[in-house]
Amino acid sequence: MELGAFSISLAVKDITASQAFYEKLGFKAFGGNATQRWLILKNGPHVIGLFQGMFEKNVLTFNPGWNQDAQAVDPFTDVREIQRQLKAAGLHLASEADEGTSGPASLVVVDPDGNPVLLDQHR
């Protein structure tokens, strides 16, 4: 099962302070909008998202159809197919992609320790 690009989405209290901290670690803004309280930062192949007021917890994020540079890859496993595989494996989904659609969709599964895992397909 190919999950796509990986990043960690951090639930931050102050996006400006968090951006300054991670820039000192060598991360550079790659996408997003600080005035909308979200940024994507990158250091080599490592990607983190800073999200102020959007998530309760830090989230492991996978983007089917993207590589680590947010570039489209083909072929890729659609999030709905991944959803079917996860259900067949006996996992409970906290939120599901609409099986009757195509294109962008997402699902969330929660690991045994309560960590949310988001599969967020943008295309």
PDB file of N, CA and C in Angstrom:
ATOM      1  N   MET A   1       0.863  -1.169   0.000  1.00  0.00           N
ATOM      2  CA  MET A   1       0.000   0.000   0.000  1.00  0.00           C
ATOM      3  C   MET A   1       0.910   1.233   0.000  1.00  0.00           C
ATOM      4  N   GLU A   2       0.808   2.044  -1.024  1.00  0.00           N
ATOM      5  CA  GLU A   2       1.598   3.275  -1.140  1.00  0.00           C
ATOM      6  C   GLU A   2       0.779   4.436  -0.605  1.00  0.00           C
ATOM      7  N   LEU A   3       1.269   5.087   0.452  1.00  0.00           N
ATOM      8  CA  LEU A   3       0.518   6.149   1.114  1.00  0.00           C
ATOM      9  C   LEU A   3       0.834   7.543   0.580  1.00  0.00           C
ATOM     10  N   GLY A   4       1.901   7.693  -0.177  1.00  0.00           N
ATOM     11  CA  GLY A   4       2.261   9.003  -0.709  1.00  0.00           C
ATOM     12  C   GLY A   4       3.220   9.751   0.186  1.00  0.00           C
ATOM     13  N   ALA A   5       3.325  11.045  -0.046  1.00  0.00           N
ATOM     14  CA  ALA A   5       4.251  11.898   0.703  1.00  0.00           C
ATOM     15  C   ALA A   5       3.899  11.885   2.182  1.00  0.00           C
ATOM     16  N   PHE A   6       4.927  11.972   3.029  1.00  0.00           N
ATOM     17  CA  PHE A   6       4.727  11.980   4.475  1.00  0.00           C
ATOM     18  C   PHE A   6       5.142  13.315   5.060  1.00  0.00           C
ATOM     19  N   SER A   7       4.364  13.785   6.022  1.00  0.00           N
ATOM     20  CA  SER A   7       4.741  14.951   6.823  1.00  0.00           C
ATOM     21  C   SER A   7       4.083  14.821   8.185  1.00  0.00           C
ATOM     22  N   ILE A   8       4.535  15.638   9.093  1.00  0.00           N
ATOM     23  CA  ILE A   8       3.873  15.736  10.391  1.00  0.00           C
ATOM     24  C   ILE A   8       3.201  17.100  10.429  1.00  0.00           C
ATOM     25  N   SER A   9       1.945  17.103  10.794  1.00  0.00           N
ATOM     26  CA  SER A   9       1.183  18.343  10.931  1.00  0.00           C
ATOM     27  C   SER A   9       1.139  18.688  12.412  1.00  0.00           C
ATOM     28  N   LEU A  10       1.797  19.780  12.780  1.00  0.00           N
ATOM     29  CA  LEU A  10       1.916  20.152  14.179  1.00  0.00           C
ATOM     30  C   LEU A  10       0.832  21.154  14.576  1.00  0.00           C
ATOM     31  N   ALA A  11       0.151  20.870  15.656  1.00  0.00           N
ATOM     32  CA  ALA A  11      -0.833  21.791  16.228  1.00  0.00           C
ATOM     33  C   ALA A  11      -0.044  22.785  17.074  1.00  0.00           C
ATOM     34  N   VAL A  12       0.129  24.008  16.568  1.00  0.00           N
ATOM     35  CA  VAL A  12       0.968  24.995  17.248  1.00  0.00           C
ATOM     36  C   VAL A  12       0.115  26.078  17.909  1.00  0.00           C
ATOM     37  N   LYS A  13       0.678  26.688  18.940  1.00  0.00           N
ATOM     38  CA  LYS A  13      -0.018  27.757  19.653  1.00  0.00           C
ATOM     39  C   LYS A  13       0.238  29.125  19.044  1.00  0.00           C
ATOM     40  N   ASP A  14       1.432  29.319  18.486  1.00  0.00           N
ATOM     41  CA  ASP A  14       1.822  30.605  17.907  1.00  0.00           C
ATOM     42  C   ASP A  14       2.610  30.325  16.638  1.00  0.00           C
ATOM     43  N   ILE A  15       1.980  30.504  15.491  1.00  0.00           N
ATOM     44  CA  ILE A  15       2.615  30.136  14.231  1.00  0.00           C
ATOM     45  C   ILE A  15       3.888  30.928  13.962  1.00  0.00           C
ATOM     46  N   THR A  16       3.918  32.188  14.374  1.00  0.00           N
ATOM     47  CA  THR A  16       5.108  33.012  14.155  1.00  0.00           C
ATOM     48  C   THR A  16       6.290  32.477  14.966  1.00  0.00           C
ATOM     49  N   ALA A  17       6.054  32.167  16.228  1.00  0.00           N
ATOM     50  CA  ALA A  17       7.118  31.621  17.077  1.00  0.00           C
ATOM     51  C   ALA A  17       7.564  30.249  16.569  1.00  0.00           C
ATOM     52  N   SER A  18       6.615  29.420  16.149  1.00  0.00           N
ATOM     53  CA  SER A  18       6.952  28.086  15.652  1.00  0.00           C
ATOM     54  C   SER A  18       7.745  28.175  14.350  1.00  0.00           C
ATOM     55  N   GLN A  19       7.338  29.075  13.454  1.00  0.00           N
ATOM     56  CA  GLN A  19       8.073  29.252  12.204  1.00  0.00           C
ATOM     57  C   GLN A  19       9.513  29.676  12.501  1.00  0.00           C
ATOM     58  N   ALA A  20       9.689  30.634  13.385  1.00  0.00           N
ATOM     59  CA  ALA A  20      11.040  31.103  13.730  1.00  0.00           C
ATOM     60  C   ALA A  20      11.878  29.961  14.308  1.00  0.00           C
ATOM     61  N   PHE A  21      11.285  29.141  15.170  1.00  0.00           N
ATOM     62  CA  PHE A  21      11.999  28.012  15.759  1.00  0.00           C
ATOM     63  C   PHE A  21      12.454  27.026  14.692  1.00  0.00           C
ATOM     64  N   TYR A  22      11.532  26.592  13.838  1.00  0.00           N
ATOM     65  CA  TYR A  22      11.877  25.585  12.841  1.00  0.00           C
ATOM     66  C   TYR A  22      12.813  26.135  11.764  1.00  0.00           C
ATOM     67  N   GLU A  23      12.759  27.427  11.488  1.00  0.00           N
ATOM     68  CA  GLU A  23      13.722  28.020  10.561  1.00  0.00           C
ATOM     69  C   GLU A  23      15.134  27.953  11.138  1.00  0.00           C
ATOM     70  N   LYS A  24      15.263  28.064  12.464  1.00  0.00           N
ATOM     71  CA  LYS A  24      16.573  27.923  13.106  1.00  0.00           C
ATOM     72  C   LYS A  24      17.097  26.497  12.989  1.00  0.00           C
ATOM     73  N   LEU A  25      16.205  25.548  12.780  1.00  0.00           N
ATOM     74  CA  LEU A  25      16.610  24.153  12.550  1.00  0.00           C
ATOM     75  C   LEU A  25      16.876  23.881  11.068  1.00  0.00           C
ATOM     76  N   GLY A  26      16.751  24.912  10.237  1.00  0.00           N
ATOM     77  CA  GLY A  26      17.056  24.754   8.819  1.00  0.00           C
ATOM     78  C   GLY A  26      15.858  24.567   7.915  1.00  0.00           C
ATOM     79  N   PHE A  27      14.656  24.620   8.454  1.00  0.00           N
ATOM     80  CA  PHE A  27      13.460  24.505   7.629  1.00  0.00           C
ATOM     81  C   PHE A  27      13.179  25.831   6.934  1.00  0.00           C
ATOM     82  N   LYS A  28      12.616  25.747   5.732  1.00  0.00           N
ATOM     83  CA  LYS A  28      12.238  26.937   4.972  1.00  0.00           C
ATOM     84  C   LYS A  28      10.782  26.796   4.540  1.00  0.00           C
ATOM     85  N   ALA A  29      10.066  27.931   4.526  1.00  0.00           N
ATOM     86  CA  ALA A  29       8.658  27.914   4.095  1.00  0.00           C
ATOM     87  C   ALA A  29       8.577  27.383   2.665  1.00  0.00           C
ATOM     88  N   PHE A  30       7.636  26.470   2.452  1.00  0.00           N
ATOM     89  CA  PHE A  30       7.470  25.779   1.174  1.00  0.00           C
ATOM     90  C   PHE A  30       6.077  26.029   0.607  1.00  0.00           C
ATOM     91  N   GLY A  31       5.138  26.313   1.479  1.00  0.00           N
ATOM     92  CA  GLY A  31       3.760  26.534   1.061  1.00  0.00           C
ATOM     93  C   GLY A  31       2.935  27.011   2.241  1.00  0.00           C
ATOM     94  N   GLY A  32       1.698  27.329   1.966  1.00  0.00           N
ATOM     95  CA  GLY A  32       0.799  27.772   3.011  1.00  0.00           C
ATOM     96  C   GLY A  32       0.735  29.279   3.108  1.00  0.00           C
ATOM     97  N   ASN A  33       0.134  29.759   4.204  1.00  0.00           N
ATOM     98  CA  ASN A  33      -0.078  31.187   4.388  1.00  0.00           C
ATOM     99  C   ASN A  33      -0.133  31.471   5.889  1.00  0.00           C
ATOM    100  N   ALA A  34       0.877  32.142   6.396  1.00  0.00           N
ATOM    101  CA  ALA A  34       0.945  32.415   7.835  1.00  0.00           C
ATOM    102  C   ALA A  34      -0.234  33.259   8.318  1.00  0.00           C
ATOM    103  N   THR A  35      -0.749  34.160   7.468  1.00  0.00           N
ATOM    104  CA  THR A  35      -1.893  34.978   7.892  1.00  0.00           C
ATOM    105  C   THR A  35      -3.154  34.136   8.031  1.00  0.00           C
ATOM    106  N   GLN A  36      -3.192  32.987   7.337  1.00  0.00           N
ATOM    107  CA  GLN A  36      -4.302  32.044   7.503  1.00  0.00           C
ATOM    108  C   GLN A  36      -3.986  31.004   8.576  1.00  0.00           C
ATOM    109  N   ARG A  37      -2.865  31.158   9.243  1.00  0.00           N
ATOM    110  CA  ARG A  37      -2.422  30.326  10.362  1.00  0.00           C
ATOM    111  C   ARG A  37      -2.038  28.906   9.966  1.00  0.00           C
ATOM    112  N   TRP A  38      -1.463  28.756   8.745  1.00  0.00           N
ATOM    113  CA  TRP A  38      -0.906  27.459   8.376  1.00  0.00           C
ATOM    114  C   TRP A  38       0.261  27.647   7.427  1.00  0.00           C
ATOM    115  N   LEU A  39       1.306  26.854   7.627  1.00  0.00           N
ATOM    116  CA  LEU A  39       2.502  26.892   6.794  1.00  0.00           C
ATOM    117  C   LEU A  39       3.028  25.476   6.589  1.00  0.00           C
ATOM    118  N   ILE A  40       3.633  25.247   5.446  1.00  0.00           N
ATOM    119  CA  ILE A  40       4.347  24.007   5.182  1.00  0.00           C
ATOM    120  C   ILE A  40       5.821  24.383   5.079  1.00  0.00           C
ATOM    121  N   LEU A  41       6.669  23.687   5.835  1.00  0.00           N
ATOM    122  CA  LEU A  41       8.102  23.958   5.827  1.00  0.00           C
ATOM    123  C   LEU A  41       8.850  22.704   5.421  1.00  0.00           C
ATOM    124  N   LYS A  42      10.015  22.923   4.830  1.00  0.00           N
ATOM    125  CA  LYS A  42      10.780  21.797   4.308  1.00  0.00           C
ATOM    126  C   LYS A  42      12.251  21.974   4.643  1.00  0.00           C
ATOM    127  N   ASN A  43      12.901  20.863   4.959  1.00  0.00           N
ATOM    128  CA  ASN A  43      14.342  20.798   5.161  1.00  0.00           C
ATOM    129  C   ASN A  43      14.796  19.527   4.470  1.00  0.00           C
ATOM    130  N   GLY A  44      15.372  19.670   3.275  1.00  0.00           N
ATOM    131  CA  GLY A  44      15.694  18.483   2.480  1.00  0.00           C
ATOM    132  C   GLY A  44      14.406  17.752   2.168  1.00  0.00           C
ATOM    133  N   PRO A  45      14.367  16.444   2.398  1.00  0.00           N
ATOM    134  CA  PRO A  45      13.140  15.690   2.124  1.00  0.00           C
ATOM    135  C   PRO A  45      12.121  15.746   3.271  1.00  0.00           C
ATOM    136  N   HIS A  46      12.483  16.389   4.366  1.00  0.00           N
ATOM    137  CA  HIS A  46      11.632  16.410   5.560  1.00  0.00           C
ATOM    138  C   HIS A  46      10.621  17.557   5.482  1.00  0.00           C
ATOM    139  N   VAL A  47       9.357  17.218   5.695  1.00  0.00           N
ATOM    140  CA  VAL A  47       8.274  18.201   5.583  1.00  0.00           C
ATOM    141  C   VAL A  47       7.485  18.241   6.884  1.00  0.00           C
ATOM    142  N   ILE A  48       7.239  19.467   7.365  1.00  0.00           N
ATOM    143  CA  ILE A  48       6.363  19.651   8.516  1.00  0.00           C
ATOM    144  C   ILE A  48       5.324  20.708   8.162  1.00  0.00           C
ATOM    145  N   GLY A  49       4.161  20.558   8.731  1.00  0.00           N
ATOM    146  CA  GLY A  49       3.124  21.574   8.601  1.00  0.00           C
ATOM    147  C   GLY A  49       2.890  22.195   9.960  1.00  0.00           C
ATOM    148  N   LEU A  50       2.732  23.512   9.983  1.00  0.00           N
ATOM    149  CA  LEU A  50       2.394  24.226  11.212  1.00  0.00           C
ATOM    150  C   LEU A  50       0.963  24.703  11.078  1.00  0.00           C
ATOM    151  N   PHE A  51       0.108  24.329  12.005  1.00  0.00           N
ATOM    152  CA  PHE A  51      -1.312  24.653  11.935  1.00  0.00           C
ATOM    153  C   PHE A  51      -1.761  25.225  13.274  1.00  0.00           C
ATOM    154  N   GLN A  52      -2.067  26.503  13.296  1.00  0.00           N
ATOM    155  CA  GLN A  52      -2.522  27.151  14.522  1.00  0.00           C
ATOM    156  C   GLN A  52      -4.041  27.145  14.578  1.00  0.00           C
ATOM    157  N   GLY A  53      -4.590  26.474  15.600  1.00  0.00           N
ATOM    158  CA  GLY A  53      -6.028  26.466  15.817  1.00  0.00           C
ATOM    159  C   GLY A  53      -6.815  25.564  14.888  1.00  0.00           C
ATOM    160  N   MET A  54      -6.158  24.678  14.151  1.00  0.00           N
ATOM    161  CA  MET A  54      -6.859  23.811  13.196  1.00  0.00           C
ATOM    162  C   MET A  54      -6.977  22.370  13.664  1.00  0.00           C
ATOM    163  N   PHE A  55      -6.029  21.912  14.465  1.00  0.00           N
ATOM    164  CA  PHE A  55      -6.025  20.539  14.962  1.00  0.00           C
ATOM    165  C   PHE A  55      -5.880  20.555  16.468  1.00  0.00           C
ATOM    166  N   GLU A  56      -6.482  19.572  17.133  1.00  0.00           N
ATOM    167  CA  GLU A  56      -6.314  19.431  18.573  1.00  0.00           C
ATOM    168  C   GLU A  56      -4.981  18.784  18.911  1.00  0.00           C
ATOM    169  N   LYS A  57      -4.543  17.861  18.059  1.00  0.00           N
ATOM    170  CA  LYS A  57      -3.324  17.095  18.292  1.00  0.00           C
ATOM    171  C   LYS A  57      -2.430  17.179  17.064  1.00  0.00           C
ATOM    172  N   ASN A  58      -1.175  16.801  17.246  1.00  0.00           N
ATOM    173  CA  ASN A  58      -0.297  16.625  16.099  1.00  0.00           C
ATOM    174  C   ASN A  58      -0.827  15.463  15.269  1.00  0.00           C
ATOM    175  N   VAL A  59      -0.654  15.536  13.952  1.00  0.00           N
ATOM    176  CA  VAL A  59      -1.234  14.551  13.053  1.00  0.00           C
ATOM    177  C   VAL A  59      -0.157  14.030  12.101  1.00  0.00           C
ATOM    178  N   LEU A  60      -0.075  12.708  11.976  1.00  0.00           N
ATOM    179  CA  LEU A  60       0.758  12.118  10.934  1.00  0.00           C
ATOM    180  C   LEU A  60      -0.026  12.256   9.631  1.00  0.00           C
ATOM    181  N   THR A  61       0.594  12.826   8.602  1.00  0.00           N
ATOM    182  CA  THR A  61      -0.125  13.111   7.369  1.00  0.00           C
ATOM    183  C   THR A  61       0.546  12.431   6.183  1.00  0.00           C
ATOM    184  N   PHE A  62      -0.268  11.801   5.351  1.00  0.00           N
ATOM    185  CA  PHE A  62       0.186  11.206   4.095  1.00  0.00           C
ATOM    186  C   PHE A  62      -0.643  11.804   2.966  1.00  0.00           C
ATOM    187  N   ASN A  63      -0.003  12.062   1.839  1.00  0.00           N
ATOM    188  CA  ASN A  63      -0.691  12.634   0.676  1.00  0.00           C
ATOM    189  C   ASN A  63      -0.561  11.700  -0.520  1.00  0.00           C
ATOM    190  N   PRO A  64      -1.555  10.804  -0.720  1.00  0.00           N
ATOM    191  CA  PRO A  64      -1.527   9.951  -1.901  1.00  0.00           C
ATOM    192  C   PRO A  64      -1.476  10.797  -3.173  1.00  0.00           C
ATOM    193  N   GLY A  65      -0.637  10.374  -4.114  1.00  0.00           N
ATOM    194  CA  GLY A  65      -0.530  11.079  -5.389  1.00  0.00           C
ATOM    195  C   GLY A  65       0.531  12.159  -5.417  1.00  0.00           C
ATOM    196  N   TRP A  66       1.210  12.374  -4.292  1.00  0.00           N
ATOM    197  CA  TRP A  66       2.280  13.377  -4.223  1.00  0.00           C
ATOM    198  C   TRP A  66       3.579  12.737  -3.773  1.00  0.00           C
ATOM    199  N   ASN A  67       4.701  13.332  -4.222  1.00  0.00           N
ATOM    200  CA  ASN A  67       5.997  12.976  -3.665  1.00  0.00           C
ATOM    201  C   ASN A  67       6.357  13.999  -2.591  1.00  0.00           C
ATOM    202  N   GLN A  68       7.554  13.904  -2.022  1.00  0.00           N
ATOM    203  CA  GLN A  68       7.941  14.791  -0.927  1.00  0.00           C
ATOM    204  C   GLN A  68       8.088  16.256  -1.359  1.00  0.00           C
ATOM    205  N   ASP A  69       8.103  16.519  -2.663  1.00  0.00           N
ATOM    206  CA  ASP A  69       8.170  17.893  -3.171  1.00  0.00           C
ATOM    207  C   ASP A  69       6.804  18.414  -3.588  1.00  0.00           C
ATOM    208  N   ALA A  70       5.731  17.717  -3.183  1.00  0.00           N
ATOM    209  CA  ALA A  70       4.352  18.070  -3.532  1.00  0.00           C
ATOM    210  C   ALA A  70       4.138  18.084  -5.038  1.00  0.00           C
ATOM    211  N   GLN A  71       4.846  17.189  -5.717  1.00  0.00           N
ATOM    212  CA  GLN A  71       4.678  17.010  -7.152  1.00  0.00           C
ATOM    213  C   GLN A  71       3.854  15.746  -7.396  1.00  0.00           C
ATOM    214  N   ALA A  72       3.018  15.809  -8.414  1.00  0.00           N
ATOM    215  CA  ALA A  72       2.162  14.664  -8.742  1.00  0.00           C
ATOM    216  C   ALA A  72       3.000  13.461  -9.161  1.00  0.00           C
ATOM    217  N   VAL A  73       2.572  12.296  -8.723  1.00  0.00           N
ATOM    218  CA  VAL A  73       3.169  11.034  -9.150  1.00  0.00           C
ATOM    219  C   VAL A  73       2.081  10.182  -9.786  1.00  0.00           C
ATOM    220  N   ASP A  74       2.451   9.460 -10.806  1.00  0.00           N
ATOM    221  CA  ASP A  74       1.540   8.521 -11.465  1.00  0.00           C
ATOM    222  C   ASP A  74       2.298   7.252 -11.766  1.00  0.00           C
ATOM    223  N   PRO A  75       1.707   6.123 -11.584  1.00  0.00           N
ATOM    224  CA  PRO A  75       0.390   5.966 -10.970  1.00  0.00           C
ATOM    225  C   PRO A  75       0.489   6.141  -9.458  1.00  0.00           C
ATOM    226  N   PHE A  76      -0.656   6.245  -8.810  1.00  0.00           N
ATOM    227  CA  PHE A  76      -0.710   6.286  -7.351  1.00  0.00           C
ATOM    228  C   PHE A  76      -1.966   5.561  -6.901  1.00  0.00           C
ATOM    229  N   THR A  77      -1.961   5.155  -5.632  1.00  0.00           N
ATOM    230  CA  THR A  77      -3.110   4.460  -5.055  1.00  0.00           C
ATOM    231  C   THR A  77      -4.089   5.495  -4.524  1.00  0.00           C
ATOM    232  N   ASP A  78      -5.295   5.502  -5.074  1.00  0.00           N
ATOM    233  CA  ASP A  78      -6.339   6.435  -4.656  1.00  0.00           C
ATOM    234  C   ASP A  78      -6.695   6.192  -3.191  1.00  0.00           C
ATOM    235  N   VAL A  79      -7.000   7.265  -2.491  1.00  0.00           N
ATOM    236  CA  VAL A  79      -7.331   7.180  -1.065  1.00  0.00           C
ATOM    237  C   VAL A  79      -8.515   6.250  -0.813  1.00  0.00           C
ATOM    238  N   ARG A  80      -9.437   6.136  -1.763  1.00  0.00           N
ATOM    239  CA  ARG A  80     -10.583   5.238  -1.581  1.00  0.00           C
ATOM    240  C   ARG A  80     -10.155   3.772  -1.613  1.00  0.00           C
ATOM    241  N   GLU A  81      -9.156   3.455  -2.426  1.00  0.00           N
ATOM    242  CA  GLU A  81      -8.618   2.095  -2.460  1.00  0.00           C
ATOM    243  C   GLU A  81      -7.873   1.813  -1.158  1.00  0.00           C
ATOM    244  N   ILE A  82      -7.112   2.774  -0.686  1.00  0.00           N
ATOM    245  CA  ILE A  82      -6.432   2.613   0.602  1.00  0.00           C
ATOM    246  C   ILE A  82      -7.474   2.396   1.699  1.00  0.00           C
ATOM    247  N   GLN A  83      -8.556   3.150   1.649  1.00  0.00           N
ATOM    248  CA  GLN A  83      -9.641   3.004   2.626  1.00  0.00           C
ATOM    249  C   GLN A  83     -10.194   1.587   2.613  1.00  0.00           C
ATOM    250  N   ARG A  84     -10.433   1.042   1.440  1.00  0.00           N
ATOM    251  CA  ARG A  84     -10.942  -0.337   1.344  1.00  0.00           C
ATOM    252  C   ARG A  84      -9.955  -1.320   1.967  1.00  0.00           C
ATOM    253  N   GLN A  85      -8.662  -1.106   1.714  1.00  0.00           N
ATOM    254  CA  GLN A  85      -7.641  -1.997   2.269  1.00  0.00           C
ATOM    255  C   GLN A  85      -7.576  -1.886   3.794  1.00  0.00           C
ATOM    256  N   LEU A  86      -7.684  -0.677   4.311  1.00  0.00           N
ATOM    257  CA  LEU A  86      -7.653  -0.489   5.762  1.00  0.00           C
ATOM    258  C   LEU A  86      -8.859  -1.154   6.429  1.00  0.00           C
ATOM    259  N   LYS A  87     -10.028  -0.991   5.822  1.00  0.00           N
ATOM    260  CA  LYS A  87     -11.230  -1.639   6.369  1.00  0.00           C
ATOM    261  C   LYS A  87     -11.104  -3.154   6.313  1.00  0.00           C
ATOM    262  N   ALA A  88     -10.573  -3.669   5.205  1.00  0.00           N
ATOM    263  CA  ALA A  88     -10.393  -5.114   5.069  1.00  0.00           C
ATOM    264  C   ALA A  88      -9.416  -5.645   6.114  1.00  0.00           C
ATOM    265  N   ALA A  89      -8.486  -4.796   6.546  1.00  0.00           N
ATOM    266  CA  ALA A  89      -7.525  -5.183   7.581  1.00  0.00           C
ATOM    267  C   ALA A  89      -8.129  -5.065   8.980  1.00  0.00           C
ATOM    268  N   GLY A  90      -9.386  -4.612   9.074  1.00  0.00           N
ATOM    269  CA  GLY A  90     -10.074  -4.538  10.346  1.00  0.00           C
ATOM    270  C   GLY A  90      -9.897  -3.236  11.110  1.00  0.00           C
ATOM    271  N   LEU A  91      -9.385  -2.199  10.437  1.00  0.00           N
ATOM    272  CA  LEU A  91      -9.208  -0.914  11.113  1.00  0.00           C
ATOM    273  C   LEU A  91     -10.493  -0.098  11.083  1.00  0.00           C
ATOM    274  N   HIS A  92     -10.743   0.600  12.182  1.00  0.00           N
ATOM    275  CA  HIS A  92     -11.881   1.511  12.277  1.00  0.00           C
ATOM    276  C   HIS A  92     -11.423   2.885  11.802  1.00  0.00           C
ATOM    277  N   LEU A  93     -12.197   3.509  10.923  1.00  0.00           N
ATOM    278  CA  LEU A  93     -11.855   4.834  10.418  1.00  0.00           C
ATOM    279  C   LEU A  93     -12.630   5.893  11.190  1.00  0.00           C
ATOM    280  N   ALA A  94     -11.922   6.928  11.650  1.00  0.00           N
ATOM    281  CA  ALA A  94     -12.567   8.032  12.369  1.00  0.00           C
ATOM    282  C   ALA A  94     -13.338   8.922  11.408  1.00  0.00           C
ATOM    283  N   SER A  95     -12.854   9.032  10.169  1.00  0.00           N
ATOM    284  CA  SER A  95     -13.600   9.702   9.098  1.00  0.00           C
ATOM    285  C   SER A  95     -13.233   9.000   7.801  1.00  0.00           C
ATOM    286  N   GLU A  96     -14.173   9.039   6.854  1.00  0.00           N
ATOM    287  CA  GLU A  96     -13.996   8.276   5.622  1.00  0.00           C
ATOM    288  C   GLU A  96     -14.130   9.151   4.389  1.00  0.00           C
ATOM    289  N   ALA A  97     -13.475   8.707   3.325  1.00  0.00           N
ATOM    290  CA  ALA A  97     -13.653   9.309   2.004  1.00  0.00           C
ATOM    291  C   ALA A  97     -14.963   8.783   1.424  1.00  0.00           C
ATOM    292  N   ASP A  98     -15.642   9.602   0.668  1.00  0.00           N
ATOM    293  CA  ASP A  98     -16.885   9.197   0.008  1.00  0.00           C
ATOM    294  C   ASP A  98     -16.537   8.283  -1.156  1.00  0.00           C
ATOM    295  N   GLU A  99     -16.944   7.032  -1.042  1.00  0.00           N
ATOM    296  CA  GLU A  99     -16.629   6.026  -2.070  1.00  0.00           C
ATOM    297  C   GLU A  99     -17.267   6.344  -3.421  1.00  0.00           C
ATOM    298  N   GLY A 100     -18.293   7.184  -3.439  1.00  0.00           N
ATOM    299  CA  GLY A 100     -18.987   7.510  -4.679  1.00  0.00           C
ATOM    300  C   GLY A 100     -18.386   8.681  -5.431  1.00  0.00           C
ATOM    301  N   THR A 101     -17.217   9.162  -4.981  1.00  0.00           N
ATOM    302  CA  THR A 101     -16.590  10.306  -5.625  1.00  0.00           C
ATOM    303  C   THR A 101     -15.235   9.907  -6.183  1.00  0.00           C
ATOM    304  N   SER A 102     -14.613  10.841  -6.883  1.00  0.00           N
ATOM    305  CA  SER A 102     -13.234  10.683  -7.329  1.00  0.00           C
ATOM    306  C   SER A 102     -12.526  12.005  -7.078  1.00  0.00           C
ATOM    307  N   GLY A 103     -11.208  11.991  -7.185  1.00  0.00           N
ATOM    308  CA  GLY A 103     -10.448  13.216  -6.955  1.00  0.00           C
ATOM    309  C   GLY A 103     -10.140  13.432  -5.491  1.00  0.00           C
ATOM    310  N   PRO A 104     -10.032  14.696  -5.075  1.00  0.00           N
ATOM    311  CA  PRO A 104      -9.645  15.000  -3.697  1.00  0.00           C
ATOM    312  C   PRO A 104     -10.582  14.366  -2.668  1.00  0.00           C
ATOM    313  N   ALA A 105      -9.965  13.809  -1.634  1.00  0.00           N
ATOM    314  CA  ALA A 105     -10.715  13.192  -0.542  1.00  0.00           C
ATOM    315  C   ALA A 105      -9.738  12.890   0.585  1.00  0.00           C
ATOM    316  N   SER A 106     -10.281  12.577   1.748  1.00  0.00           N
ATOM    317  CA  SER A 106      -9.417  12.257   2.879  1.00  0.00           C
ATOM    318  C   SER A 106     -10.091  11.249   3.799  1.00  0.00           C
ATOM    319  N   LEU A 107      -9.270  10.666   4.646  1.00  0.00           N
ATOM    320  CA  LEU A 107      -9.746   9.780   5.697  1.00  0.00           C
ATOM    321  C   LEU A 107      -8.841   9.952   6.899  1.00  0.00           C
ATOM    322  N   VAL A 108      -9.333   9.555   8.054  1.00  0.00           N
ATOM    323  CA  VAL A 108      -8.537   9.578   9.281  1.00  0.00           C
ATOM    324  C   VAL A 108      -8.699   8.238   9.979  1.00  0.00           C
ATOM    325  N   VAL A 109      -7.582   7.688  10.392  1.00  0.00           N
ATOM    326  CA  VAL A 109      -7.550   6.504  11.232  1.00  0.00           C
ATOM    327  C   VAL A 109      -6.722   6.886  12.456  1.00  0.00           C
ATOM    328  N   VAL A 110      -7.057   6.320  13.604  1.00  0.00           N
ATOM    329  CA  VAL A 110      -6.365   6.670  14.843  1.00  0.00           C
ATOM    330  C   VAL A 110      -5.579   5.455  15.323  1.00  0.00           C
ATOM    331  N   ASP A 111      -4.300   5.670  15.623  1.00  0.00           N
ATOM    332  CA  ASP A 111      -3.464   4.547  16.056  1.00  0.00           C
ATOM    333  C   ASP A 111      -3.809   4.153  17.498  1.00  0.00           C
ATOM    334  N   PRO A 112      -3.266   3.039  17.986  1.00  0.00           N
ATOM    335  CA  PRO A 112      -3.626   2.557  19.317  1.00  0.00           C
ATOM    336  C   PRO A 112      -3.324   3.538  20.460  1.00  0.00           C
ATOM    337  N   ASP A 113      -2.441   4.499  20.213  1.00  0.00           N
ATOM    338  CA  ASP A 113      -2.100   5.478  21.242  1.00  0.00           C
ATOM    339  C   ASP A 113      -2.867   6.785  21.102  1.00  0.00           C
ATOM    340  N   GLY A 114      -3.832   6.811  20.183  1.00  0.00           N
ATOM    341  CA  GLY A 114      -4.661   8.000  20.013  1.00  0.00           C
ATOM    342  C   GLY A 114      -4.118   9.017  19.039  1.00  0.00           C
ATOM    343  N   ASN A 115      -3.062   8.672  18.308  1.00  0.00           N
ATOM    344  CA  ASN A 115      -2.493   9.595  17.325  1.00  0.00           C
ATOM    345  C   ASN A 115      -3.280   9.532  16.023  1.00  0.00           C
ATOM    346  N   PRO A 116      -3.802  10.660  15.566  1.00  0.00           N
ATOM    347  CA  PRO A 116      -4.525  10.656  14.297  1.00  0.00           C
ATOM    348  C   PRO A 116      -3.556  10.515  13.116  1.00  0.00           C
ATOM    349  N   VAL A 117      -3.979   9.728  12.137  1.00  0.00           N
ATOM    350  CA  VAL A 117      -3.241   9.551  10.889  1.00  0.00           C
ATOM    351  C   VAL A 117      -4.181  10.002   9.778  1.00  0.00           C
ATOM    352  N   LEU A 118      -3.806  11.075   9.094  1.00  0.00           N
ATOM    353  CA  LEU A 118      -4.612  11.654   8.032  1.00  0.00           C
ATOM    354  C   LEU A 118      -4.056  11.247   6.684  1.00  0.00           C
ATOM    355  N   LEU A 119      -4.907  10.705   5.835  1.00  0.00           N
ATOM    356  CA  LEU A 119      -4.567  10.484   4.429  1.00  0.00           C
ATOM    357  C   LEU A 119      -5.356  11.512   3.639  1.00  0.00           C
ATOM    358  N   ASP A 120      -4.664  12.480   3.075  1.00  0.00           N
ATOM    359  CA  ASP A 120      -5.277  13.659   2.462  1.00  0.00           C
ATOM    360  C   ASP A 120      -4.837  13.744   1.004  1.00  0.00           C
ATOM    361  N   GLN A 121      -5.723  13.309   0.127  1.00  0.00           N
ATOM    362  CA  GLN A 121      -5.439  13.290  -1.318  1.00  0.00           C
ATOM    363  C   GLN A 121      -5.939  14.602  -1.928  1.00  0.00           C
ATOM    364  N   HIS A 122      -5.049  15.296  -2.616  1.00  0.00           N
ATOM    365  CA  HIS A 122      -5.368  16.607  -3.182  1.00  0.00           C
ATOM    366  C   HIS A 122      -5.750  16.583  -4.649  1.00  0.00           C
ATOM    367  N   ARG A 123      -5.655  15.435  -5.296  1.00  0.00           N
ATOM    368  CA  ARG A 123      -5.988  15.389  -6.731  1.00  0.00           C
ATOM    369  C   ARG A 123      -6.757  14.127  -7.082  1.00  0.00           C
TER     370      ARG A 123
END
